[in-house]
Protein backbone atom coordinates (compact mmCIF):
# COMPACT_ATOMS: atom_id res chain seq x y z
CA UNK A 1 101.22 153.61 190.72
CA UNK A 2 98.65 154.30 193.40
CA UNK A 3 96.40 151.47 194.60
CA UNK A 4 92.81 152.20 195.55
CA UNK A 5 90.82 150.17 198.11
CA UNK A 6 88.54 147.38 196.91
CA UNK A 7 84.81 148.05 197.11
CA UNK A 8 83.49 145.95 199.98
CA UNK A 9 79.92 146.12 198.65
CA UNK A 10 80.48 144.39 195.29
CA UNK A 11 84.06 143.10 195.50
CA UNK A 12 84.53 143.79 191.76
CA UNK A 13 85.39 147.48 191.64
CA UNK A 14 87.73 149.81 193.48
CA UNK A 15 86.86 153.00 195.33
CA UNK A 16 88.02 156.07 193.40
CA UNK A 17 88.44 159.40 195.25
CA UNK A 18 86.79 162.54 193.86
CA UNK A 19 87.64 166.11 194.86
CA UNK A 20 85.68 169.37 194.61
CA UNK A 21 85.97 173.05 195.39
CA UNK A 22 84.25 174.83 198.28
CA UNK A 23 82.20 178.04 198.10
CA UNK A 24 85.32 180.15 198.69
CA UNK A 25 87.28 178.31 195.98
CA UNK A 26 89.39 176.18 198.32
CA UNK A 27 90.04 172.58 197.37
CA UNK A 28 88.11 169.82 199.16
CA UNK A 29 90.23 166.69 198.66
CA UNK A 30 88.43 163.36 198.60
CA UNK A 31 84.94 164.78 199.03
CA UNK A 32 83.50 161.55 197.65
CA UNK A 33 84.59 157.98 196.97
CA UNK A 34 82.77 156.03 194.26
CA UNK A 35 82.96 152.43 193.10
CA UNK A 36 84.48 151.99 189.65
CA UNK A 37 81.95 149.22 188.92
CA UNK A 38 79.06 151.19 187.39
CA UNK A 39 76.55 148.42 188.21
CA UNK A 40 77.41 148.63 191.93
CA UNK A 41 76.76 152.35 192.44
CA UNK A 42 78.28 152.49 195.95
CA UNK A 43 79.45 155.92 197.08
CA UNK A 44 80.49 157.76 200.22
CA UNK A 45 80.17 161.54 200.17
CA UNK A 46 80.85 164.37 202.63
CA UNK A 47 78.38 167.30 202.58
CA UNK A 48 78.67 170.05 205.18
CA UNK A 49 80.49 167.66 207.52
CA UNK A 50 77.89 164.88 207.21
CA UNK A 51 78.49 161.51 205.52
CA UNK A 52 76.00 160.07 203.07
CA UNK A 53 76.21 156.54 201.67
CA UNK A 54 74.90 155.03 198.45
CA UNK A 55 73.50 158.25 197.04
CA UNK A 56 73.49 158.34 193.24
CA UNK A 57 76.13 160.81 192.11
CA UNK A 58 75.41 162.84 188.96
CA UNK A 59 77.75 164.41 186.45
CA UNK A 60 77.76 168.20 186.21
CA UNK A 61 78.09 170.30 183.06
CA UNK A 62 80.23 172.88 184.89
């Protein structure tokens, strides 16, 4: 079983990796990491090579 890193912001959740697909259909592994503790809301995300922290991530209907 794989172990995920502990969230250093809240200390209660773990950081879960999320993947996505690029414009050309290629896989982008670990595009974002989000805390499993919903109340914490910590996230790290890569967009066009830039990191953003703490942005609220939304669910998509796609």
